[in-house]
Amino acid sequence: MKIRFVVPAVAVAVLFGFFWYALKGGDYDPQLIDSPLIGKAAPGFATPSLGDPKVEVAMKQFLGGRLIVNK
Protein backbone atom coordinates (compact mmCIF):
# COMPACT_ATOMS: atom_id res chain seq x y z
CA MET A 1 0.00 0.00 0.00
CA LYS A 2 2.93 2.35 0.57
CA ILE A 3 4.08 1.90 -3.00
CA ARG A 4 0.81 3.48 -4.23
CA PHE A 5 2.02 6.77 -2.79
CA VAL A 6 5.76 6.44 -3.31
CA VAL A 7 5.73 5.84 -7.08
CA PRO A 8 3.66 8.94 -7.97
CA ALA A 9 5.68 11.05 -5.53
CA VAL A 10 8.94 9.94 -7.14
CA ALA A 11 7.53 10.56 -10.62
CA VAL A 12 6.46 14.08 -9.65
CA ALA A 13 9.87 14.75 -8.08
CA VAL A 14 11.65 13.59 -11.25
CA LEU A 15 9.42 15.78 -13.45
CA PHE A 16 10.02 18.72 -11.12
CA GLY A 17 13.76 18.13 -11.44
CA PHE A 18 13.55 18.14 -15.24
CA PHE A 19 11.50 21.34 -15.24
CA TRP A 20 13.86 23.01 -12.77
CA TYR A 21 16.88 22.08 -14.88
CA ALA A 22 15.21 23.36 -18.05
CA LEU A 23 14.26 26.68 -16.46
CA LYS A 24 17.27 27.43 -14.25
CA GLY A 25 20.13 25.06 -14.81
CA GLY A 26 20.10 24.42 -18.54
CA ASP A 27 22.04 26.15 -21.27
CA TYR A 28 18.84 27.46 -22.83
CA ASP A 29 18.76 31.22 -23.52
CA PRO A 30 15.70 32.51 -25.41
CA GLN A 31 17.63 35.65 -26.39
CA LEU A 32 19.89 33.52 -28.56
CA ILE A 33 17.07 32.23 -30.78
CA ASP A 34 17.26 33.91 -34.17
CA SER A 35 13.95 34.84 -35.74
CA PRO A 36 13.61 36.35 -39.20
CA LEU A 37 10.51 38.29 -38.08
CA ILE A 38 11.98 40.27 -35.18
CA GLY A 39 12.18 43.95 -36.07
CA LYS A 40 10.00 43.57 -39.17
CA ALA A 41 6.67 45.28 -39.75
CA ALA A 42 3.56 43.21 -39.07
CA PRO A 43 1.72 42.11 -42.21
CA GLY A 44 -1.40 44.00 -43.18
CA PHE A 45 -4.73 42.31 -42.62
CA ALA A 46 -8.46 42.96 -42.56
CA THR A 47 -10.89 40.48 -41.02
CA PRO A 48 -14.39 40.45 -39.54
CA SER A 49 -14.63 41.08 -35.81
CA LEU A 50 -15.41 38.10 -33.60
CA GLY A 51 -17.97 40.09 -31.61
CA ASP A 52 -19.80 41.55 -34.63
CA PRO A 53 -19.07 40.04 -38.06
CA LYS A 54 -20.36 43.22 -39.73
CA VAL A 55 -17.48 45.23 -38.21
CA GLU A 56 -14.07 44.87 -39.85
CA VAL A 57 -10.83 44.82 -37.86
CA ALA A 58 -7.80 46.01 -39.85
CA MET A 59 -4.10 46.48 -39.25
CA LYS A 60 -4.39 50.24 -39.63
CA GLN A 61 -6.33 50.37 -36.31
CA PHE A 62 -3.22 49.20 -34.45
CA LEU A 63 -0.63 51.56 -35.99
CA GLY A 64 1.72 53.11 -33.43
CA GLY A 65 1.15 50.41 -30.83
CA ARG A 66 2.48 46.96 -30.09
CA LEU A 67 0.75 43.99 -31.64
CA ILE A 68 1.07 40.24 -31.20
CA VAL A 69 -0.05 38.20 -34.17
CA ASN A 70 -0.67 34.48 -33.69
CA LYS A 71 -0.68 32.95 -37.13
PDB file of N, CA and C in Angstrom:
ATOM      1  N   MET A   1       0.823  -1.198   0.000  1.00  0.00           N
ATOM      2  CA  MET A   1       0.000   0.000   0.000  1.00  0.00           C
ATOM      3  C   MET A   1       0.867   1.262   0.000  1.00  0.00           C
ATOM      4  N   LYS A   2       2.040   1.201   0.575  1.00  0.00           N
ATOM      5  CA  LYS A   2       2.930   2.347   0.572  1.00  0.00           C
ATOM      6  C   LYS A   2       3.395   2.705  -0.834  1.00  0.00           C
ATOM      7  N   ILE A   3       3.565   1.669  -1.651  1.00  0.00           N
ATOM      8  CA  ILE A   3       4.076   1.898  -3.002  1.00  0.00           C
ATOM      9  C   ILE A   3       3.094   2.718  -3.837  1.00  0.00           C
ATOM     10  N   ARG A   4       1.805   2.682  -3.513  1.00  0.00           N
ATOM     11  CA  ARG A   4       0.809   3.478  -4.228  1.00  0.00           C
ATOM     12  C   ARG A   4       1.092   4.967  -4.094  1.00  0.00           C
ATOM     13  N   PHE A   5       1.729   5.361  -3.025  1.00  0.00           N
ATOM     14  CA  PHE A   5       2.017   6.771  -2.790  1.00  0.00           C
ATOM     15  C   PHE A   5       3.458   7.134  -3.142  1.00  0.00           C
ATOM     16  N   VAL A   6       4.350   6.179  -3.053  1.00  0.00           N
ATOM     17  CA  VAL A   6       5.763   6.444  -3.307  1.00  0.00           C
ATOM     18  C   VAL A   6       6.034   6.626  -4.800  1.00  0.00           C
ATOM     19  N   VAL A   7       5.471   5.777  -5.641  1.00  0.00           N
ATOM     20  CA  VAL A   7       5.731   5.836  -7.081  1.00  0.00           C
ATOM     21  C   VAL A   7       5.264   7.170  -7.684  1.00  0.00           C
ATOM     22  N   PRO A   8       4.043   7.623  -7.425  1.00  0.00           N
ATOM     23  CA  PRO A   8       3.658   8.940  -7.974  1.00  0.00           C
ATOM     24  C   PRO A   8       4.493  10.083  -7.401  1.00  0.00           C
ATOM     25  N   ALA A   9       4.860   9.999  -6.130  1.00  0.00           N
ATOM     26  CA  ALA A   9       5.678  11.054  -5.527  1.00  0.00           C
ATOM     27  C   ALA A   9       7.057  11.111  -6.190  1.00  0.00           C
ATOM     28  N   VAL A  10       7.644   9.969  -6.472  1.00  0.00           N
ATOM     29  CA  VAL A  10       8.942   9.937  -7.144  1.00  0.00           C
ATOM     30  C   VAL A  10       8.805  10.467  -8.576  1.00  0.00           C
ATOM     31  N   ALA A  11       7.745  10.080  -9.251  1.00  0.00           N
ATOM     32  CA  ALA A  11       7.525  10.555 -10.622  1.00  0.00           C
ATOM     33  C   ALA A  11       7.374  12.078 -10.658  1.00  0.00           C
ATOM     34  N   VAL A  12       6.636  12.622  -9.722  1.00  0.00           N
ATOM     35  CA  VAL A  12       6.463  14.080  -9.651  1.00  0.00           C
ATOM     36  C   VAL A  12       7.786  14.754  -9.329  1.00  0.00           C
ATOM     37  N   ALA A  13       8.563  14.182  -8.433  1.00  0.00           N
ATOM     38  CA  ALA A  13       9.867  14.753  -8.083  1.00  0.00           C
ATOM     39  C   ALA A  13      10.811  14.740  -9.289  1.00  0.00           C
ATOM     40  N   VAL A  14      10.802  13.674 -10.069  1.00  0.00           N
ATOM     41  CA  VAL A  14      11.655  13.590 -11.254  1.00  0.00           C
ATOM     42  C   VAL A  14      11.221  14.645 -12.283  1.00  0.00           C
ATOM     43  N   LEU A  15       9.919  14.766 -12.523  1.00  0.00           N
ATOM     44  CA  LEU A  15       9.419  15.781 -13.445  1.00  0.00           C
ATOM     45  C   LEU A  15       9.787  17.181 -12.968  1.00  0.00           C
ATOM     46  N   PHE A  16       9.643  17.429 -11.686  1.00  0.00           N
ATOM     47  CA  PHE A  16      10.018  18.720 -11.116  1.00  0.00           C
ATOM     48  C   PHE A  16      11.500  18.983 -11.351  1.00  0.00           C
ATOM     49  N   GLY A  17      12.323  17.982 -11.191  1.00  0.00           N
ATOM     50  CA  GLY A  17      13.758  18.132 -11.439  1.00  0.00           C
ATOM     51  C   GLY A  17      14.051  18.476 -12.881  1.00  0.00           C
ATOM     52  N   PHE A  18      13.375  17.816 -13.824  1.00  0.00           N
ATOM     53  CA  PHE A  18      13.555  18.145 -15.241  1.00  0.00           C
ATOM     54  C   PHE A  18      13.138  19.576 -15.539  1.00  0.00           C
ATOM     55  N   PHE A  19      11.986  19.978 -15.018  1.00  0.00           N
ATOM     56  CA  PHE A  19      11.504  21.339 -15.239  1.00  0.00           C
ATOM     57  C   PHE A  19      12.455  22.362 -14.630  1.00  0.00           C
ATOM     58  N   TRP A  20      12.944  22.087 -13.435  1.00  0.00           N
ATOM     59  CA  TRP A  20      13.865  23.008 -12.769  1.00  0.00           C
ATOM     60  C   TRP A  20      15.159  23.151 -13.580  1.00  0.00           C
ATOM     61  N   TYR A  21      15.668  22.037 -14.065  1.00  0.00           N
ATOM     62  CA  TYR A  21      16.875  22.076 -14.878  1.00  0.00           C
ATOM     63  C   TYR A  21      16.651  22.880 -16.157  1.00  0.00           C
ATOM     64  N   ALA A  22      15.498  22.664 -16.800  1.00  0.00           N
ATOM     65  CA  ALA A  22      15.211  23.360 -18.053  1.00  0.00           C
ATOM     66  C   ALA A  22      15.063  24.865 -17.829  1.00  0.00           C
ATOM     67  N   LEU A  23      14.496  25.257 -16.707  1.00  0.00           N
ATOM     68  CA  LEU A  23      14.263  26.676 -16.458  1.00  0.00           C
ATOM     69  C   LEU A  23      15.468  27.390 -15.863  1.00  0.00           C
ATOM     70  N   LYS A  24      16.191  26.748 -14.980  1.00  0.00           N
ATOM     71  CA  LYS A  24      17.267  27.425 -14.251  1.00  0.00           C
ATOM     72  C   LYS A  24      18.660  26.908 -14.566  1.00  0.00           C
ATOM     73  N   GLY A  25      18.796  25.625 -14.713  1.00  0.00           N
ATOM     74  CA  GLY A  25      20.130  25.057 -14.806  1.00  0.00           C
ATOM     75  C   GLY A  25      20.607  24.761 -16.205  1.00  0.00           C
ATOM     76  N   GLY A  26      19.709  24.800 -17.184  1.00  0.00           N
ATOM     77  CA  GLY A  26      20.103  24.423 -18.537  1.00  0.00           C
ATOM     78  C   GLY A  26      20.848  25.517 -19.265  1.00  0.00           C
ATOM     79  N   ASP A  27      21.317  25.200 -20.431  1.00  0.00           N
ATOM     80  CA  ASP A  27      22.038  26.148 -21.265  1.00  0.00           C
ATOM     81  C   ASP A  27      21.110  26.879 -22.219  1.00  0.00           C
ATOM     82  N   TYR A  28      19.832  26.857 -21.953  1.00  0.00           N
ATOM     83  CA  TYR A  28      18.836  27.465 -22.828  1.00  0.00           C
ATOM     84  C   TYR A  28      18.750  28.964 -22.567  1.00  0.00           C
ATOM     85  N   ASP A  29      18.894  29.776 -23.620  1.00  0.00           N
ATOM     86  CA  ASP A  29      18.760  31.220 -23.521  1.00  0.00           C
ATOM     87  C   ASP A  29      17.845  31.691 -24.651  1.00  0.00           C
ATOM     88  N   PRO A  30      16.622  32.110 -24.347  1.00  0.00           N
ATOM     89  CA  PRO A  30      15.701  32.510 -25.413  1.00  0.00           C
ATOM     90  C   PRO A  30      16.179  33.721 -26.204  1.00  0.00           C
ATOM     91  N   GLN A  31      17.101  34.503 -25.656  1.00  0.00           N
ATOM     92  CA  GLN A  31      17.628  35.651 -26.385  1.00  0.00           C
ATOM     93  C   GLN A  31      18.531  35.227 -27.538  1.00  0.00           C
ATOM     94  N   LEU A  32      19.001  33.998 -27.520  1.00  0.00           N
ATOM     95  CA  LEU A  32      19.890  33.518 -28.560  1.00  0.00           C
ATOM     96  C   LEU A  32      19.162  32.925 -29.758  1.00  0.00           C
ATOM     97  N   ILE A  33      17.849  32.802 -29.680  1.00  0.00           N
ATOM     98  CA  ILE A  33      17.067  32.230 -30.777  1.00  0.00           C
ATOM     99  C   ILE A  33      16.907  33.287 -31.869  1.00  0.00           C
ATOM    100  N   ASP A  34      17.390  32.986 -33.049  1.00  0.00           N
ATOM    101  CA  ASP A  34      17.256  33.908 -34.174  1.00  0.00           C
ATOM    102  C   ASP A  34      15.883  33.744 -34.806  1.00  0.00           C
ATOM    103  N   SER A  35      15.235  34.863 -35.063  1.00  0.00           N
ATOM    104  CA  SER A  35      13.946  34.843 -35.738  1.00  0.00           C
ATOM    105  C   SER A  35      13.992  35.835 -36.889  1.00  0.00           C
ATOM    106  N   PRO A  36      13.585  35.425 -38.069  1.00  0.00           N
ATOM    107  CA  PRO A  36      13.611  36.353 -39.203  1.00  0.00           C
ATOM    108  C   PRO A  36      12.541  37.434 -39.115  1.00  0.00           C
ATOM    109  N   LEU A  37      11.610  37.328 -38.161  1.00  0.00           N
ATOM    110  CA  LEU A  37      10.507  38.290 -38.079  1.00  0.00           C
ATOM    111  C   LEU A  37      10.732  39.401 -37.061  1.00  0.00           C
ATOM    112  N   ILE A  38      11.734  39.254 -36.194  1.00  0.00           N
ATOM    113  CA  ILE A  38      11.984  40.271 -35.180  1.00  0.00           C
ATOM    114  C   ILE A  38      12.461  41.549 -35.853  1.00  0.00           C
ATOM    115  N   GLY A  39      11.813  42.652 -35.510  1.00  0.00           N
ATOM    116  CA  GLY A  39      12.175  43.946 -36.074  1.00  0.00           C
ATOM    117  C   GLY A  39      11.498  44.260 -37.394  1.00  0.00           C
ATOM    118  N   LYS A  40      10.701  43.340 -37.908  1.00  0.00           N
ATOM    119  CA  LYS A  40      10.004  43.568 -39.171  1.00  0.00           C
ATOM    120  C   LYS A  40       8.600  44.096 -38.887  1.00  0.00           C
ATOM    121  N   ALA A  41       8.037  44.774 -39.869  1.00  0.00           N
ATOM    122  CA  ALA A  41       6.668  45.283 -39.752  1.00  0.00           C
ATOM    123  C   ALA A  41       5.684  44.118 -39.810  1.00  0.00           C
ATOM    124  N   ALA A  42       4.608  44.243 -39.047  1.00  0.00           N
ATOM    125  CA  ALA A  42       3.565  43.209 -39.072  1.00  0.00           C
ATOM    126  C   ALA A  42       2.841  43.256 -40.417  1.00  0.00           C
ATOM    127  N   PRO A  43       2.419  42.110 -40.922  1.00  0.00           N
ATOM    128  CA  PRO A  43       1.718  42.106 -42.209  1.00  0.00           C
ATOM    129  C   PRO A  43       0.351  42.765 -42.093  1.00  0.00           C
ATOM    130  N   GLY A  44      -0.071  43.391 -43.163  1.00  0.00           N
ATOM    131  CA  GLY A  44      -1.401  44.000 -43.179  1.00  0.00           C
ATOM    132  C   GLY A  44      -2.490  42.935 -43.218  1.00  0.00           C
ATOM    133  N   PHE A  45      -3.608  43.243 -42.604  1.00  0.00           N
ATOM    134  CA  PHE A  45      -4.727  42.309 -42.624  1.00  0.00           C
ATOM    135  C   PHE A  45      -6.034  43.069 -42.427  1.00  0.00           C
ATOM    136  N   ALA A  46      -7.107  42.464 -42.810  1.00  0.00           N
ATOM    137  CA  ALA A  46      -8.462  42.958 -42.559  1.00  0.00           C
ATOM    138  C   ALA A  46      -9.345  41.729 -42.416  1.00  0.00           C
ATOM    139  N   THR A  47     -10.069  41.659 -41.299  1.00  0.00           N
ATOM    140  CA  THR A  47     -10.886  40.477 -41.021  1.00  0.00           C
ATOM    141  C   THR A  47     -12.130  40.894 -40.241  1.00  0.00           C
ATOM    142  N   PRO A  48     -13.204  40.120 -40.323  1.00  0.00           N
ATOM    143  CA  PRO A  48     -14.394  40.453 -39.540  1.00  0.00           C
ATOM    144  C   PRO A  48     -14.130  40.294 -38.041  1.00  0.00           C
ATOM    145  N   SER A  49     -14.755  41.140 -37.262  1.00  0.00           N
ATOM    146  CA  SER A  49     -14.633  41.078 -35.809  1.00  0.00           C
ATOM    147  C   SER A  49     -15.319  39.824 -35.280  1.00  0.00           C
ATOM    148  N   LEU A  50     -14.785  39.272 -34.206  1.00  0.00           N
ATOM    149  CA  LEU A  50     -15.409  38.096 -33.601  1.00  0.00           C
ATOM    150  C   LEU A  50     -16.715  38.466 -32.907  1.00  0.00           C
ATOM    151  N   GLY A  51     -16.772  39.661 -32.325  1.00  0.00           N
ATOM    152  CA  GLY A  51     -17.971  40.086 -31.609  1.00  0.00           C
ATOM    153  C   GLY A  51     -19.113  40.456 -32.542  1.00  0.00           C
ATOM    154  N   ASP A  52     -18.791  41.119 -33.661  1.00  0.00           N
ATOM    155  CA  ASP A  52     -19.799  41.547 -34.627  1.00  0.00           C
ATOM    156  C   ASP A  52     -19.222  41.365 -36.024  1.00  0.00           C
ATOM    157  N   PRO A  53     -19.642  40.324 -36.743  1.00  0.00           N
ATOM    158  CA  PRO A  53     -19.069  40.041 -38.062  1.00  0.00           C
ATOM    159  C   PRO A  53     -19.255  41.167 -39.085  1.00  0.00           C
ATOM    160  N   LYS A  54     -20.149  42.113 -38.804  1.00  0.00           N
ATOM    161  CA  LYS A  54     -20.363  43.224 -39.729  1.00  0.00           C
ATOM    162  C   LYS A  54     -19.271  44.287 -39.586  1.00  0.00           C
ATOM    163  N   VAL A  55     -18.551  44.278 -38.461  1.00  0.00           N
ATOM    164  CA  VAL A  55     -17.476  45.234 -38.209  1.00  0.00           C
ATOM    165  C   VAL A  55     -16.158  44.608 -38.638  1.00  0.00           C
ATOM    166  N   GLU A  56     -15.351  45.375 -39.367  1.00  0.00           N
ATOM    167  CA  GLU A  56     -14.068  44.871 -39.846  1.00  0.00           C
ATOM    168  C   GLU A  56     -12.932  45.378 -38.953  1.00  0.00           C
ATOM    169  N   VAL A  57     -12.030  44.477 -38.620  1.00  0.00           N
ATOM    170  CA  VAL A  57     -10.826  44.816 -37.863  1.00  0.00           C
ATOM    171  C   VAL A  57      -9.672  44.799 -38.853  1.00  0.00           C
ATOM    172  N   ALA A  58      -8.899  45.904 -38.895  1.00  0.00           N
ATOM    173  CA  ALA A  58      -7.804  46.012 -39.851  1.00  0.00           C
ATOM    174  C   ALA A  58      -6.519  46.407 -39.145  1.00  0.00           C
ATOM    175  N   MET A  59      -5.411  46.157 -39.797  1.00  0.00           N
ATOM    176  CA  MET A  59      -4.100  46.477 -39.246  1.00  0.00           C
ATOM    177  C   MET A  59      -3.947  47.967 -38.972  1.00  0.00           C
ATOM    178  N   LYS A  60      -4.553  48.803 -39.785  1.00  0.00           N
ATOM    179  CA  LYS A  60      -4.387  50.244 -39.629  1.00  0.00           C
ATOM    180  C   LYS A  60      -4.949  50.759 -38.297  1.00  0.00           C
ATOM    181  N   GLN A  61      -5.807  49.976 -37.633  1.00  0.00           N
ATOM    182  CA  GLN A  61      -6.330  50.371 -36.313  1.00  0.00           C
ATOM    183  C   GLN A  61      -5.273  50.253 -35.228  1.00  0.00           C
ATOM    184  N   PHE A  62      -4.226  49.479 -35.470  1.00  0.00           N
ATOM    185  CA  PHE A  62      -3.220  49.205 -34.445  1.00  0.00           C
ATOM    186  C   PHE A  62      -1.905  49.940 -34.702  1.00  0.00           C
ATOM    187  N   LEU A  63      -1.862  50.842 -35.667  1.00  0.00           N
ATOM    188  CA  LEU A  63      -0.628  51.556 -35.988  1.00  0.00           C
ATOM    189  C   LEU A  63      -0.157  52.376 -34.785  1.00  0.00           C
ATOM    190  N   GLY A  64       1.135  52.356 -34.541  1.00  0.00           N
ATOM    191  CA  GLY A  64       1.723  53.112 -33.433  1.00  0.00           C
ATOM    192  C   GLY A  64       1.753  52.367 -32.126  1.00  0.00           C
ATOM    193  N   GLY A  65       1.156  51.206 -32.061  1.00  0.00           N
ATOM    194  CA  GLY A  65       1.151  50.410 -30.830  1.00  0.00           C
ATOM    195  C   GLY A  65       1.836  49.073 -31.036  1.00  0.00           C
ATOM    196  N   ARG A  66       1.897  48.309 -29.992  1.00  0.00           N
ATOM    197  CA  ARG A  66       2.478  46.964 -30.088  1.00  0.00           C
ATOM    198  C   ARG A  66       1.374  45.968 -30.426  1.00  0.00           C
ATOM    199  N   LEU A  67       1.742  44.959 -31.168  1.00  0.00           N
ATOM    200  CA  LEU A  67       0.753  43.994 -31.642  1.00  0.00           C
ATOM    201  C   LEU A  67       1.378  42.618 -31.656  1.00  0.00           C
ATOM    202  N   ILE A  68       0.646  41.648 -31.150  1.00  0.00           N
ATOM    203  CA  ILE A  68       1.075  40.241 -31.201  1.00  0.00           C
ATOM    204  C   ILE A  68       0.139  39.536 -32.175  1.00  0.00           C
ATOM    205  N   VAL A  69       0.722  38.914 -33.172  1.00  0.00           N
ATOM    206  CA  VAL A  69      -0.055  38.197 -34.171  1.00  0.00           C
ATOM    207  C   VAL A  69       0.229  36.714 -34.022  1.00  0.00           C
ATOM    208  N   ASN A  70      -0.801  35.929 -33.792  1.00  0.00           N
ATOM    209  CA  ASN A  70      -0.671  34.481 -33.695  1.00  0.00           C
ATOM    210  C   ASN A  70      -1.196  33.887 -34.986  1.00  0.00           C
ATOM    211  N   LYS A  71      -0.290  33.462 -35.823  1.00  0.00           N
ATOM    212  CA  LYS A  71      -0.680  32.946 -37.130  1.00  0.00           C
ATOM    213  C   LYS A  71      -0.829  31.458 -37.082  1.00  0.00           C
TER     214      LYS A  71
END
